[in-house]
Amino acid sequence: PPAPTLEPDDEAELQAKECCYIINIFPKDGHRFKFGYSANFEYMMRQVHAVAPDCIVVRKYQCDPSHEAELLRWVRSTPGVLPQSHKVFDVRTPRVLIQEIDELFKSHLTRLKHT
């Protein structure tokens, strides 16, 4: 069956901060990551939790929609990264890739603290 979709609870949730993100979809296997941009991160995370309740947010970067293409291009061009779907990848060396993405965003974006 298709994954359940969730509707935002209220107007405030629709105003959630936009960001680019890295999410470890299945932390137990440690290699499946979702990369992308969301105009409403909290809403998107509720949808991800519906299908992957153990997922972990690895990074959030303050950005705008134009940075998603650069992020995904960077991920796709990294050796040892295998696409699983549009924004989900199997990453064999996640620490190295995440450090490289940190540097990419540090050069022109502000990293948000993960809590």
C-alpha atoms as a PDB file:
ATOM      1  CA  PRO A   1       0.000   0.000   0.000  1.00  0.00           C
ATOM      2  CA  PRO A   2       1.131   3.593  -0.513  1.00  0.00           C
ATOM      3  CA  ALA A   3       2.819   5.401   2.376  1.00  0.00           C
ATOM      4  CA  PRO A   4       0.371   7.368   4.534  1.00  0.00           C
ATOM      5  CA  THR A   5       0.307  11.110   4.063  1.00  0.00           C
ATOM      6  CA  LEU A   6      -0.171  13.534   6.926  1.00  0.00           C
ATOM      7  CA  GLU A   7      -1.696  16.979   6.829  1.00  0.00           C
ATOM      8  CA  PRO A   8      -0.218  19.906   8.760  1.00  0.00           C
ATOM      9  CA  ASP A   9      -2.028  20.508  12.054  1.00  0.00           C
ATOM     10  CA  ASP A  10      -2.187  24.265  11.833  1.00  0.00           C
ATOM     11  CA  GLU A  11      -1.044  27.447  10.117  1.00  0.00           C
ATOM     12  CA  ALA A  12       2.102  27.700  12.291  1.00  0.00           C
ATOM     13  CA  GLU A  13       3.387  24.362  11.031  1.00  0.00           C
ATOM     14  CA  LEU A  14       3.009  25.561   7.461  1.00  0.00           C
ATOM     15  CA  GLN A  15       5.419  28.386   8.363  1.00  0.00           C
ATOM     16  CA  ALA A  16       8.176  25.999   9.524  1.00  0.00           C
ATOM     17  CA  LYS A  17      11.731  26.868   8.487  1.00  0.00           C
ATOM     18  CA  GLU A  18      12.966  25.744   5.137  1.00  0.00           C
ATOM     19  CA  CYS A  19      16.204  23.793   5.031  1.00  0.00           C
ATOM     20  CA  CYS A  20      18.335  21.219   3.287  1.00  0.00           C
ATOM     21  CA  TYR A  21      18.738  18.059   5.307  1.00  0.00           C
ATOM     22  CA  ILE A  22      20.519  14.739   5.707  1.00  0.00           C
ATOM     23  CA  ILE A  23      18.481  11.973   7.358  1.00  0.00           C
ATOM     24  CA  ASN A  24      19.675   8.478   8.231  1.00  0.00           C
ATOM     25  CA  ILE A  25      16.552   6.556   7.237  1.00  0.00           C
ATOM     26  CA  PHE A  26      17.446   3.231   8.867  1.00  0.00           C
ATOM     27  CA  PRO A  27      20.129   3.836  11.537  1.00  0.00           C
ATOM     28  CA  LYS A  28      20.461   0.095  12.229  1.00  0.00           C
ATOM     29  CA  ASP A  29      21.927  -0.520   8.767  1.00  0.00           C
ATOM     30  CA  GLY A  30      23.758   2.827   8.853  1.00  0.00           C
ATOM     31  CA  HIS A  31      23.980   3.278   5.082  1.00  0.00           C
ATOM     32  CA  ARG A  32      20.578   4.502   3.868  1.00  0.00           C
ATOM     33  CA  PHE A  33      20.306   8.309   3.767  1.00  0.00           C
ATOM     34  CA  LYS A  34      17.787  10.827   2.494  1.00  0.00           C
ATOM     35  CA  PHE A  35      19.169  14.129   1.195  1.00  0.00           C
ATOM     36  CA  GLY A  36      17.124  17.105   0.033  1.00  0.00           C
ATOM     37  CA  TYR A  37      15.325  20.355   0.670  1.00  0.00           C
ATOM     38  CA  SER A  38      12.041  21.000   2.428  1.00  0.00           C
ATOM     39  CA  ALA A  39      10.073  24.225   2.725  1.00  0.00           C
ATOM     40  CA  ASN A  40       8.407  22.674   5.796  1.00  0.00           C
ATOM     41  CA  PHE A  41      10.879  20.393   7.548  1.00  0.00           C
ATOM     42  CA  GLU A  42       8.645  19.376  10.488  1.00  0.00           C
ATOM     43  CA  TYR A  43       5.821  18.316   8.171  1.00  0.00           C
ATOM     44  CA  MET A  44       8.215  16.351   5.959  1.00  0.00           C
ATOM     45  CA  MET A  45       9.697  14.617   9.017  1.00  0.00           C
ATOM     46  CA  ARG A  46       6.265  13.471  10.150  1.00  0.00           C
ATOM     47  CA  GLN A  47       5.834  11.825   6.754  1.00  0.00           C
ATOM     48  CA  VAL A  48       9.271  10.172   6.950  1.00  0.00           C
ATOM     49  CA  HIS A  49       8.592   8.952  10.519  1.00  0.00           C
ATOM     50  CA  ALA A  50       5.391   7.303   9.284  1.00  0.00           C
ATOM     51  CA  VAL A  51       7.453   4.918   7.120  1.00  0.00           C
ATOM     52  CA  ALA A  52      10.794   4.991   8.991  1.00  0.00           C
ATOM     53  CA  PRO A  53      10.049   5.610  12.686  1.00  0.00           C
ATOM     54  CA  ASP A  54      13.693   5.117  13.763  1.00  0.00           C
ATOM     55  CA  CYS A  55      15.145   7.667  11.335  1.00  0.00           C
ATOM     56  CA  ILE A  56      17.645  10.218  12.654  1.00  0.00           C
ATOM     57  CA  VAL A  57      18.241  13.767  11.486  1.00  0.00           C
ATOM     58  CA  VAL A  58      21.981  13.985  10.847  1.00  0.00           C
ATOM     59  CA  ARG A  59      22.165  17.592   9.589  1.00  0.00           C
ATOM     60  CA  LYS A  60      19.968  20.569   8.742  1.00  0.00           C
ATOM     61  CA  TYR A  61      21.307  23.512   6.759  1.00  0.00           C
ATOM     62  CA  GLN A  62      19.557  26.841   6.419  1.00  0.00           C
ATOM     63  CA  CYS A  63      19.113  27.373   2.690  1.00  0.00           C
ATOM     64  CA  ASP A  64      16.683  27.994  -0.133  1.00  0.00           C
ATOM     65  CA  PRO A  65      15.271  25.617  -2.767  1.00  0.00           C
ATOM     66  CA  SER A  66      18.025  26.371  -5.271  1.00  0.00           C
ATOM     67  CA  HIS A  67      20.603  24.598  -3.065  1.00  0.00           C
ATOM     68  CA  GLU A  68      18.885  21.216  -3.292  1.00  0.00           C
ATOM     69  CA  ALA A  69      20.067  20.600  -6.858  1.00  0.00           C
ATOM     70  CA  GLU A  70      23.679  21.338  -5.857  1.00  0.00           C
ATOM     71  CA  LEU A  71      23.385  19.050  -2.823  1.00  0.00           C
ATOM     72  CA  LEU A  72      21.930  16.153  -4.831  1.00  0.00           C
ATOM     73  CA  ARG A  73      24.478  16.633  -7.636  1.00  0.00           C
ATOM     74  CA  TRP A  74      27.277  16.455  -5.043  1.00  0.00           C
ATOM     75  CA  VAL A  75      25.841  13.291  -3.475  1.00  0.00           C
ATOM     76  CA  ARG A  76      25.320  11.560  -6.853  1.00  0.00           C
ATOM     77  CA  SER A  77      28.892  12.302  -7.952  1.00  0.00           C
ATOM     78  CA  THR A  78      30.451  10.790  -4.813  1.00  0.00           C
ATOM     79  CA  PRO A  79      32.127   7.381  -5.273  1.00  0.00           C
ATOM     80  CA  GLY A  80      30.475   4.633  -3.225  1.00  0.00           C
ATOM     81  CA  VAL A  81      27.025   6.258  -3.308  1.00  0.00           C
ATOM     82  CA  LEU A  82      24.232   4.240  -4.930  1.00  0.00           C
ATOM     83  CA  PRO A  83      20.870   5.862  -5.682  1.00  0.00           C
ATOM     84  CA  GLN A  84      17.873   4.033  -4.199  1.00  0.00           C
ATOM     85  CA  SER A  85      15.258   6.584  -5.245  1.00  0.00           C
ATOM     86  CA  HIS A  86      15.136  10.296  -6.116  1.00  0.00           C
ATOM     87  CA  LYS A  87      16.467  11.511  -2.740  1.00  0.00           C
ATOM     88  CA  VAL A  88      17.428   8.264  -0.977  1.00  0.00           C
ATOM     89  CA  PHE A  89      20.923   6.827  -1.374  1.00  0.00           C
ATOM     90  CA  ASP A  90      22.976   3.929  -0.079  1.00  0.00           C
ATOM     91  CA  VAL A  91      26.162   5.569   1.256  1.00  0.00           C
ATOM     92  CA  ARG A  92      29.148   3.344   2.058  1.00  0.00           C
ATOM     93  CA  THR A  93      31.284   6.130   3.619  1.00  0.00           C
ATOM     94  CA  PRO A  94      28.731   8.395   5.313  1.00  0.00           C
ATOM     95  CA  ARG A  95      31.189  10.234   7.602  1.00  0.00           C
ATOM     96  CA  VAL A  96      33.365  11.312   4.685  1.00  0.00           C
ATOM     97  CA  LEU A  97      30.382  12.433   2.600  1.00  0.00           C
ATOM     98  CA  ILE A  98      28.796  14.326   5.496  1.00  0.00           C
ATOM     99  CA  GLN A  99      32.087  16.131   6.207  1.00  0.00           C
ATOM    100  CA  GLU A 100      32.314  17.131   2.532  1.00  0.00           C
ATOM    101  CA  ILE A 101      28.728  18.392   2.558  1.00  0.00           C
ATOM    102  CA  ASP A 102      29.438  20.340   5.767  1.00  0.00           C
ATOM    103  CA  GLU A 103      32.298  22.082   3.941  1.00  0.00           C
ATOM    104  CA  LEU A 104      30.107  22.696   0.891  1.00  0.00           C
ATOM    105  CA  PHE A 105      27.445  24.402   2.980  1.00  0.00           C
ATOM    106  CA  LYS A 106      29.950  26.176   5.233  1.00  0.00           C
ATOM    107  CA  SER A 107      31.347  27.934   2.185  1.00  0.00           C
ATOM    108  CA  HIS A 108      28.051  29.764   1.526  1.00  0.00           C
ATOM    109  CA  LEU A 109      25.387  28.706   4.027  1.00  0.00           C
ATOM    110  CA  THR A 110      24.797  28.603   7.796  1.00  0.00           C
ATOM    111  CA  ARG A 111      24.464  25.197   9.470  1.00  0.00           C
ATOM    112  CA  LEU A 112      21.531  24.824  11.856  1.00  0.00           C
ATOM    113  CA  LYS A 113      22.163  23.040  15.128  1.00  0.00           C
ATOM    114  CA  HIS A 114      20.510  19.640  15.414  1.00  0.00           C
ATOM    115  CA  THR A 115      18.714  19.160  18.721  1.00  0.00           C
END
